[in-house]
Amino acid sequence: ADRVTVLRDGVLISTYDKKDAELKPDILSRDMVG
């Protein structure tokens, strides 16, 4: 990814840019499931 957008229950939760922050699986999974 260059950027990642997380959806949860049809709602935009977050968008991460690789330039600004490291895309960490634990952060992404937290956003996915709340």
PDB file of all heavy atoms in Angstrom:
ATOM      1  N   ALA A   1       0.792  -1.229   0.000  1.00  0.00           N
ATOM      2  CA  ALA A   1       0.000   0.000   0.000  1.00  0.00           C
ATOM      3  C   ALA A   1       0.828   1.285   0.000  1.00  0.00           C
ATOM      4  O   ALA A   1       1.875   1.359   0.639  1.00  0.00           O
ATOM      5  CB  ALA A   1      -0.925   0.011   1.211  1.00  0.00           C
ATOM      6  N   ASP A   2       0.319   2.289  -0.712  1.00  0.00           N
ATOM      7  CA  ASP A   2       0.760   3.672  -0.534  1.00  0.00           C
ATOM      8  C   ASP A   2      -0.147   4.356   0.485  1.00  0.00           C
ATOM      9  O   ASP A   2       0.298   5.151   1.294  1.00  0.00           O
ATOM     10  CB  ASP A   2       0.709   4.434  -1.861  1.00  0.00           C
ATOM     11  CG  ASP A   2       1.693   3.876  -2.873  1.00  0.00           C
ATOM     12  OD1 ASP A   2       2.884   3.756  -2.533  1.00  0.00           O
ATOM     13  OD2 ASP A   2       1.275   3.538  -3.997  1.00  0.00           O
ATOM     14  N   ARG A   3      -1.436   4.042   0.391  1.00  0.00           N
ATOM     15  CA  ARG A   3      -2.406   4.503   1.384  1.00  0.00           C
ATOM     16  C   ARG A   3      -3.374   3.368   1.700  1.00  0.00           C
ATOM     17  O   ARG A   3      -3.583   2.480   0.881  1.00  0.00           O
ATOM     18  CB  ARG A   3      -3.201   5.718   0.871  1.00  0.00           C
ATOM     19  CG  ARG A   3      -2.418   7.023   0.922  1.00  0.00           C
ATOM     20  CD  ARG A   3      -3.340   8.206   0.735  1.00  0.00           C
ATOM     21  NE  ARG A   3      -3.971   8.211  -0.583  1.00  0.00           N
ATOM     22  CZ  ARG A   3      -5.074   8.892  -0.870  1.00  0.00           C
ATOM     23  NH1 ARG A   3      -5.686   9.597   0.069  1.00  0.00           N
ATOM     24  NH2 ARG A   3      -5.572   8.877  -2.093  1.00  0.00           N
ATOM     25  N   VAL A   4      -3.971   3.438   2.900  1.00  0.00           N
ATOM     26  CA  VAL A   4      -4.950   2.438   3.322  1.00  0.00           C
ATOM     27  C   VAL A   4      -6.168   3.156   3.888  1.00  0.00           C
ATOM     28  O   VAL A   4      -6.035   4.039   4.729  1.00  0.00           O
ATOM     29  CB  VAL A   4      -4.382   1.486   4.399  1.00  0.00           C
ATOM     30  CG1 VAL A   4      -5.454   0.497   4.858  1.00  0.00           C
ATOM     31  CG2 VAL A   4      -3.172   0.732   3.874  1.00  0.00           C
ATOM     32  N   THR A   5      -7.347   2.755   3.415  1.00  0.00           N
ATOM     33  CA  THR A   5      -8.600   3.255   3.985  1.00  0.00           C
ATOM     34  C   THR A   5      -9.320   2.096   4.659  1.00  0.00           C
ATOM     35  O   THR A   5      -9.451   1.016   4.076  1.00  0.00           O
ATOM     36  CB  THR A   5      -9.495   3.882   2.900  1.00  0.00           C
ATOM     37  OG1 THR A   5      -8.936   5.144   2.503  1.00  0.00           O
ATOM     38  CG2 THR A   5     -10.913   4.112   3.407  1.00  0.00           C
ATOM     39  N   VAL A   6      -9.774   2.341   5.890  1.00  0.00           N
ATOM     40  CA  VAL A   6     -10.447   1.313   6.682  1.00  0.00           C
ATOM     41  C   VAL A   6     -11.944   1.601   6.740  1.00  0.00           C
ATOM     42  O   VAL A   6     -12.361   2.711   7.087  1.00  0.00           O
ATOM     43  CB  VAL A   6      -9.884   1.254   8.124  1.00  0.00           C
ATOM     44  CG1 VAL A   6     -10.556   0.130   8.911  1.00  0.00           C
ATOM     45  CG2 VAL A   6      -8.373   1.062   8.104  1.00  0.00           C
ATOM     46  N   LEU A   7     -12.737   0.595   6.382  1.00  0.00           N
ATOM     47  CA  LEU A   7     -14.199   0.649   6.474  1.00  0.00           C
ATOM     48  C   LEU A   7     -14.668  -0.232   7.621  1.00  0.00           C
ATOM     49  O   LEU A   7     -14.134  -1.322   7.819  1.00  0.00           O
ATOM     50  CB  LEU A   7     -14.819   0.121   5.181  1.00  0.00           C
ATOM     51  CG  LEU A   7     -15.327   1.091   4.125  1.00  0.00           C
ATOM     52  CD1 LEU A   7     -15.649   0.329   2.858  1.00  0.00           C
ATOM     53  CD2 LEU A   7     -16.543   1.848   4.607  1.00  0.00           C
ATOM     54  N   ARG A   8     -15.675   0.254   8.366  1.00  0.00           N
ATOM     55  CA  ARG A   8     -16.303  -0.590   9.377  1.00  0.00           C
ATOM     56  C   ARG A   8     -17.795  -0.296   9.397  1.00  0.00           C
ATOM     57  O   ARG A   8     -18.211   0.855   9.569  1.00  0.00           O
ATOM     58  CB  ARG A   8     -15.702  -0.352  10.769  1.00  0.00           C
ATOM     59  CG  ARG A   8     -16.228  -1.332  11.804  1.00  0.00           C
ATOM     60  CD  ARG A   8     -15.442  -1.277  13.112  1.00  0.00           C
ATOM     61  NE  ARG A   8     -15.738  -0.113  13.908  1.00  0.00           N
ATOM     62  CZ  ARG A   8     -14.840   0.757  14.359  1.00  0.00           C
ATOM     63  NH1 ARG A   8     -13.563   0.595  14.058  1.00  0.00           N
ATOM     64  NH2 ARG A   8     -15.197   1.787  15.094  1.00  0.00           N
ATOM     65  N   ASP A   9     -18.593  -1.329   9.149  1.00  0.00           N
ATOM     66  CA  ASP A   9     -20.054  -1.189   9.116  1.00  0.00           C
ATOM     67  C   ASP A   9     -20.500  -0.089   8.154  1.00  0.00           C
ATOM     68  O   ASP A   9     -21.415   0.690   8.454  1.00  0.00           O
ATOM     69  CB  ASP A   9     -20.599  -0.911  10.525  1.00  0.00           C
ATOM     70  CG  ASP A   9     -20.325  -2.060  11.487  1.00  0.00           C
ATOM     71  OD1 ASP A   9     -20.320  -3.218  11.025  1.00  0.00           O
ATOM     72  OD2 ASP A   9     -20.109  -1.795  12.681  1.00  0.00           O
ATOM     73  N   GLY A  10     -19.834  -0.013   7.002  1.00  0.00           N
ATOM     74  CA  GLY A  10     -20.227   0.945   5.975  1.00  0.00           C
ATOM     75  C   GLY A  10     -19.784   2.368   6.216  1.00  0.00           C
ATOM     76  O   GLY A  10     -20.162   3.282   5.476  1.00  0.00           O
ATOM     77  N   VAL A  11     -18.953   2.579   7.244  1.00  0.00           N
ATOM     78  CA  VAL A  11     -18.513   3.930   7.620  1.00  0.00           C
ATOM     79  C   VAL A  11     -16.994   4.033   7.493  1.00  0.00           C
ATOM     80  O   VAL A  11     -16.269   3.110   7.869  1.00  0.00           O
ATOM     81  CB  VAL A  11     -18.948   4.260   9.068  1.00  0.00           C
ATOM     82  CG1 VAL A  11     -18.423   5.630   9.495  1.00  0.00           C
ATOM     83  CG2 VAL A  11     -20.469   4.201   9.193  1.00  0.00           C
ATOM     84  N   LEU A  12     -16.523   5.162   6.962  1.00  0.00           N
ATOM     85  CA  LEU A  12     -15.085   5.425   6.886  1.00  0.00           C
ATOM     86  C   LEU A  12     -14.532   5.627   8.297  1.00  0.00           C
ATOM     87  O   LEU A  12     -14.971   6.513   9.032  1.00  0.00           O
ATOM     88  CB  LEU A  12     -14.829   6.681   6.039  1.00  0.00           C
ATOM     89  CG  LEU A  12     -13.397   7.219   6.016  1.00  0.00           C
ATOM     90  CD1 LEU A  12     -12.461   6.221   5.370  1.00  0.00           C
ATOM     91  CD2 LEU A  12     -13.338   8.553   5.288  1.00  0.00           C
ATOM     92  N   ILE A  13     -13.561   4.784   8.679  1.00  0.00           N
ATOM     93  CA  ILE A  13     -12.963   4.880  10.010  1.00  0.00           C
ATOM     94  C   ILE A  13     -11.659   5.670   9.977  1.00  0.00           C
ATOM     95  O   ILE A  13     -11.421   6.552  10.805  1.00  0.00           O
ATOM     96  CB  ILE A  13     -12.706   3.476  10.593  1.00  0.00           C
ATOM     97  CG1 ILE A  13     -14.021   2.705  10.721  1.00  0.00           C
ATOM     98  CG2 ILE A  13     -11.994   3.565  11.945  1.00  0.00           C
ATOM     99  CD1 ILE A  13     -15.056   3.357  11.621  1.00  0.00           C
ATOM    100  N   SER A  14     -10.803   5.387   9.003  1.00  0.00           N
ATOM    101  CA  SER A  14      -9.496   6.051   8.953  1.00  0.00           C
ATOM    102  C   SER A  14      -8.857   5.868   7.587  1.00  0.00           C
ATOM    103  O   SER A  14      -9.185   4.933   6.856  1.00  0.00           O
ATOM    104  CB  SER A  14      -8.558   5.489  10.031  1.00  0.00           C
ATOM    105  OG  SER A  14      -8.480   4.069   9.927  1.00  0.00           O
ATOM    106  N   THR A  15      -7.944   6.760   7.261  1.00  0.00           N
ATOM    107  CA  THR A  15      -7.095   6.617   6.079  1.00  0.00           C
ATOM    108  C   THR A  15      -5.666   6.907   6.502  1.00  0.00           C
ATOM    109  O   THR A  15      -5.394   7.935   7.140  1.00  0.00           O
ATOM    110  CB  THR A  15      -7.516   7.573   4.952  1.00  0.00           C
ATOM    111  OG1 THR A  15      -8.837   7.233   4.517  1.00  0.00           O
ATOM    112  CG2 THR A  15      -6.577   7.460   3.755  1.00  0.00           C
ATOM    113  N   TYR A  16      -4.748   5.996   6.178  1.00  0.00           N
ATOM    114  CA  TYR A  16      -3.341   6.144   6.540  1.00  0.00           C
ATOM    115  C   TYR A  16      -2.502   6.271   5.275  1.00  0.00           C
ATOM    116  O   TYR A  16      -2.729   5.570   4.288  1.00  0.00           O
ATOM    117  CB  TYR A  16      -2.861   4.931   7.350  1.00  0.00           C
ATOM    118  CG  TYR A  16      -3.518   4.796   8.693  1.00  0.00           C
ATOM    119  CD1 TYR A  16      -4.593   3.916   8.874  1.00  0.00           C
ATOM    120  CD2 TYR A  16      -3.083   5.536   9.790  1.00  0.00           C
ATOM    121  CE1 TYR A  16      -5.207   3.778  10.105  1.00  0.00           C
ATOM    122  CE2 TYR A  16      -3.696   5.409  11.035  1.00  0.00           C
ATOM    123  CZ  TYR A  16      -4.759   4.525  11.182  1.00  0.00           C
ATOM    124  OH  TYR A  16      -5.363   4.413  12.408  1.00  0.00           O
ATOM    125  N   ASP A  17      -1.535   7.170   5.327  1.00  0.00           N
ATOM    126  CA  ASP A  17      -0.608   7.390   4.213  1.00  0.00           C
ATOM    127  C   ASP A  17       0.767   6.873   4.626  1.00  0.00           C
ATOM    128  O   ASP A  17       1.259   7.201   5.702  1.00  0.00           O
ATOM    129  CB  ASP A  17      -0.529   8.889   3.876  1.00  0.00           C
ATOM    130  CG  ASP A  17       0.121   9.144   2.528  1.00  0.00           C
ATOM    131  OD1 ASP A  17       1.177   8.541   2.248  1.00  0.00           O
ATOM    132  OD2 ASP A  17      -0.424   9.947   1.749  1.00  0.00           O
ATOM    133  N   LYS A  18       1.366   6.057   3.765  1.00  0.00           N
ATOM    134  CA  LYS A  18       2.668   5.477   4.088  1.00  0.00           C
ATOM    135  C   LYS A  18       3.739   6.548   4.294  1.00  0.00           C
ATOM    136  O   LYS A  18       4.693   6.355   5.034  1.00  0.00           O
ATOM    137  CB  LYS A  18       3.091   4.514   2.980  1.00  0.00           C
ATOM    138  CG  LYS A  18       4.108   3.478   3.413  1.00  0.00           C
ATOM    139  CD  LYS A  18       4.211   2.365   2.393  1.00  0.00           C
ATOM    140  CE  LYS A  18       5.001   1.185   2.941  1.00  0.00           C
ATOM    141  NZ  LYS A  18       4.985   0.033   2.020  1.00  0.00           N
ATOM    142  N   LYS A  19       3.572   7.693   3.648  1.00  0.00           N
ATOM    143  CA  LYS A  19       4.545   8.777   3.787  1.00  0.00           C
ATOM    144  C   LYS A  19       4.513   9.380   5.186  1.00  0.00           C
ATOM    145  O   LYS A  19       5.526   9.867   5.688  1.00  0.00           O
ATOM    146  CB  LYS A  19       4.253   9.875   2.754  1.00  0.00           C
ATOM    147  CG  LYS A  19       4.471   9.449   1.317  1.00  0.00           C
ATOM    148  CD  LYS A  19       4.124  10.590   0.372  1.00  0.00           C
ATOM    149  CE  LYS A  19       4.303  10.176  -1.087  1.00  0.00           C
ATOM    150  NZ  LYS A  19       3.903  11.248  -2.032  1.00  0.00           N
ATOM    151  N   ASP A  20       3.331   9.364   5.794  1.00  0.00           N
ATOM    152  CA  ASP A  20       3.166  10.031   7.090  1.00  0.00           C
ATOM    153  C   ASP A  20       3.342   9.092   8.275  1.00  0.00           C
ATOM    154  O   ASP A  20       3.743   9.510   9.357  1.00  0.00           O
ATOM    155  CB  ASP A  20       1.776  10.670   7.177  1.00  0.00           C
ATOM    156  CG  ASP A  20       1.551  11.691   6.076  1.00  0.00           C
ATOM    157  OD1 ASP A  20       2.541  12.340   5.674  1.00  0.00           O
ATOM    158  OD2 ASP A  20       0.409  11.813   5.612  1.00  0.00           O
ATOM    159  N   ALA A  21       3.019   7.830   8.081  1.00  0.00           N
ATOM    160  CA  ALA A  21       3.086   6.898   9.216  1.00  0.00           C
ATOM    161  C   ALA A  21       3.297   5.482   8.718  1.00  0.00           C
ATOM    162  O   ALA A  21       2.918   5.137   7.606  1.00  0.00           O
ATOM    163  CB  ALA A  21       1.787   6.971  10.025  1.00  0.00           C
ATOM    164  N   GLU A  22       3.904   4.680   9.564  1.00  0.00           N
ATOM    165  CA  GLU A  22       4.104   3.273   9.222  1.00  0.00           C
ATOM    166  C   GLU A  22       2.765   2.546   9.280  1.00  0.00           C
ATOM    167  O   GLU A  22       1.974   2.747  10.196  1.00  0.00           O
ATOM    168  CB  GLU A  22       5.076   2.640  10.222  1.00  0.00           C
ATOM    169  CG  GLU A  22       5.465   1.212   9.861  1.00  0.00           C
ATOM    170  CD  GLU A  22       6.449   0.635  10.861  1.00  0.00           C
ATOM    171  OE1 GLU A  22       6.911   1.369  11.752  1.00  0.00           O
ATOM    172  OE2 GLU A  22       6.726  -0.574  10.746  1.00  0.00           O
ATOM    173  N   LEU A  23       2.506   1.716   8.264  1.00  0.00           N
ATOM    174  CA  LEU A  23       1.245   0.978   8.210  1.00  0.00           C
ATOM    175  C   LEU A  23       1.391  -0.304   9.027  1.00  0.00           C
ATOM    176  O   LEU A  23       1.831  -1.331   8.517  1.00  0.00           O
ATOM    177  CB  LEU A  23       0.882   0.670   6.748  1.00  0.00           C
ATOM    178  CG  LEU A  23       0.723   1.884   5.833  1.00  0.00           C
ATOM    179  CD1 LEU A  23       0.484   1.439   4.404  1.00  0.00           C
ATOM    180  CD2 LEU A  23      -0.410   2.770   6.307  1.00  0.00           C
ATOM    181  N   LYS A  24       1.030  -0.232  10.272  1.00  0.00           N
ATOM    182  CA  LYS A  24       1.221  -1.366  11.170  1.00  0.00           C
ATOM    183  C   LYS A  24      -0.027  -2.232  11.210  1.00  0.00           C
ATOM    184  O   LYS A  24      -1.137  -1.727  11.417  1.00  0.00           O
ATOM    185  CB  LYS A  24       1.544  -0.875  12.578  1.00  0.00           C
ATOM    186  CG  LYS A  24       2.883  -0.153  12.673  1.00  0.00           C
ATOM    187  CD  LYS A  24       3.179   0.269  14.099  1.00  0.00           C
ATOM    188  CE  LYS A  24       4.552   0.946  14.201  1.00  0.00           C
ATOM    189  NZ  LYS A  24       4.843   1.375  15.585  1.00  0.00           N
ATOM    190  N   PRO A  25       0.135  -3.567  11.021  1.00  0.00           N
ATOM    191  CA  PRO A  25      -1.025  -4.463  11.034  1.00  0.00           C
ATOM    192  C   PRO A  25      -1.863  -4.366  12.304  1.00  0.00           C
ATOM    193  O   PRO A  25      -3.091  -4.479  12.244  1.00  0.00           O
ATOM    194  CB  PRO A  25      -0.389  -5.849  10.892  1.00  0.00           C
ATOM    195  CG  PRO A  25       0.865  -5.603  10.119  1.00  0.00           C
ATOM    196  CD  PRO A  25       1.375  -4.276  10.632  1.00  0.00           C
ATOM    197  N   ASP A  26      -1.230  -4.154  13.477  1.00  0.00           N
ATOM    198  CA  ASP A  26      -2.017  -4.105  14.709  1.00  0.00           C
ATOM    199  C   ASP A  26      -2.924  -2.880  14.745  1.00  0.00           C
ATOM    200  O   ASP A  26      -4.056  -2.932  15.237  1.00  0.00           O
ATOM    201  CB  ASP A  26      -1.105  -4.154  15.943  1.00  0.00           C
ATOM    202  CG  ASP A  26      -0.095  -3.021  15.978  1.00  0.00           C
ATOM    203  OD1 ASP A  26       0.226  -2.471  14.909  1.00  0.00           O
ATOM    204  OD2 ASP A  26       0.375  -2.683  17.079  1.00  0.00           O
ATOM    205  N   ILE A  27      -2.452  -1.750  14.187  1.00  0.00           N
ATOM    206  CA  ILE A  27      -3.274  -0.534  14.141  1.00  0.00           C
ATOM    207  C   ILE A  27      -4.426  -0.718  13.153  1.00  0.00           C
ATOM    208  O   ILE A  27      -5.574  -0.355  13.429  1.00  0.00           O
ATOM    209  CB  ILE A  27      -2.418   0.687  13.747  1.00  0.00           C
ATOM    210  CG1 ILE A  27      -1.389   0.979  14.849  1.00  0.00           C
ATOM    211  CG2 ILE A  27      -3.280   1.918  13.495  1.00  0.00           C
ATOM    212  CD1 ILE A  27      -0.399   2.071  14.504  1.00  0.00           C
ATOM    213  N   LEU A  28      -4.122  -1.304  11.998  1.00  0.00           N
ATOM    214  CA  LEU A  28      -5.151  -1.526  10.979  1.00  0.00           C
ATOM    215  C   LEU A  28      -6.223  -2.480  11.495  1.00  0.00           C
ATOM    216  O   LEU A  28      -7.424  -2.249  11.303  1.00  0.00           O
ATOM    217  CB  LEU A  28      -4.525  -2.084   9.701  1.00  0.00           C
ATOM    218  CG  LEU A  28      -3.506  -1.173   8.985  1.00  0.00           C
ATOM    219  CD1 LEU A  28      -2.902  -1.903   7.785  1.00  0.00           C
ATOM    220  CD2 LEU A  28      -4.145   0.139   8.546  1.00  0.00           C
ATOM    221  N   SER A  29      -5.798  -3.554  12.174  1.00  0.00           N
ATOM    222  CA  SER A  29      -6.772  -4.529  12.690  1.00  0.00           C
ATOM    223  C   SER A  29      -7.629  -3.906  13.782  1.00  0.00           C
ATOM    224  O   SER A  29      -8.835  -4.174  13.868  1.00  0.00           O
ATOM    225  CB  SER A  29      -6.064  -5.777  13.207  1.00  0.00           C
ATOM    226  OG  SER A  29      -5.222  -5.473  14.292  1.00  0.00           O
ATOM    227  N   ARG A  30      -7.038  -3.050  14.601  1.00  0.00           N
ATOM    228  CA  ARG A  30      -7.805  -2.349  15.651  1.00  0.00           C
ATOM    229  C   ARG A  30      -8.896  -1.488  15.023  1.00  0.00           C
ATOM    230  O   ARG A  30     -10.049  -1.481  15.471  1.00  0.00           O
ATOM    231  CB  ARG A  30      -6.862  -1.478  16.482  1.00  0.00           C
ATOM    232  CG  ARG A  30      -7.552  -0.665  17.585  1.00  0.00           C
ATOM    233  CD  ARG A  30      -6.714   0.543  17.951  1.00  0.00           C
ATOM    234  NE  ARG A  30      -6.575   1.455  16.821  1.00  0.00           N
ATOM    235  CZ  ARG A  30      -5.655   2.413  16.729  1.00  0.00           C
ATOM    236  NH1 ARG A  30      -4.753   2.546  17.685  1.00  0.00           N
ATOM    237  NH2 ARG A  30      -5.615   3.219  15.685  1.00  0.00           N
ATOM    238  N   ASP A  31      -8.548  -0.768  13.958  1.00  0.00           N
ATOM    239  CA  ASP A  31      -9.533   0.086  13.290  1.00  0.00           C
ATOM    240  C   ASP A  31     -10.630  -0.745  12.611  1.00  0.00           C
ATOM    241  O   ASP A  31     -11.789  -0.332  12.551  1.00  0.00           O
ATOM    242  CB  ASP A  31      -8.851   0.968  12.241  1.00  0.00           C
ATOM    243  CG  ASP A  31      -8.049   2.105  12.873  1.00  0.00           C
ATOM    244  OD1 ASP A  31      -8.028   2.187  14.118  1.00  0.00           O
ATOM    245  OD2 ASP A  31      -7.446   2.889  12.127  1.00  0.00           O
ATOM    246  N   MET A  32     -10.252  -1.913  12.093  1.00  0.00           N
ATOM    247  CA  MET A  32     -11.231  -2.765  11.405  1.00  0.00           C
ATOM    248  C   MET A  32     -12.311  -3.277  12.345  1.00  0.00           C
ATOM    249  O   MET A  32     -13.488  -3.313  11.991  1.00  0.00           O
ATOM    250  CB  MET A  32     -10.519  -3.948  10.745  1.00  0.00           C
ATOM    251  CG  MET A  32      -9.777  -3.615   9.473  1.00  0.00           C
ATOM    252  SD  MET A  32      -8.769  -5.001   8.890  1.00  0.00           S
ATOM    253  CE  MET A  32     -10.019  -6.257   8.590  1.00  0.00           C
ATOM    254  N   VAL A  33     -11.912  -3.696  13.542  1.00  0.00           N
ATOM    255  CA  VAL A  33     -12.865  -4.346  14.445  1.00  0.00           C
ATOM    256  C   VAL A  33     -13.283  -3.466  15.621  1.00  0.00           C
ATOM    257  O   VAL A  33     -14.168  -3.841  16.382  1.00  0.00           O
ATOM    258  CB  VAL A  33     -12.307  -5.681  14.979  1.00  0.00           C
ATOM    259  CG1 VAL A  33     -11.972  -6.616  13.851  1.00  0.00           C
ATOM    260  CG2 VAL A  33     -11.085  -5.463  15.867  1.00  0.00           C
ATOM    261  N   GLY A  34     -12.650  -2.300  15.776  1.00  0.00           N
ATOM    262  CA  GLY A  34     -13.057  -1.386  16.822  1.00  0.00           C
ATOM    263  C   GLY A  34     -12.424  -1.641  18.168  1.00  0.00           C
ATOM    264  O   GLY A  34     -12.818  -1.051  19.176  1.00  0.00           O
TER     265      GLY A  34
END
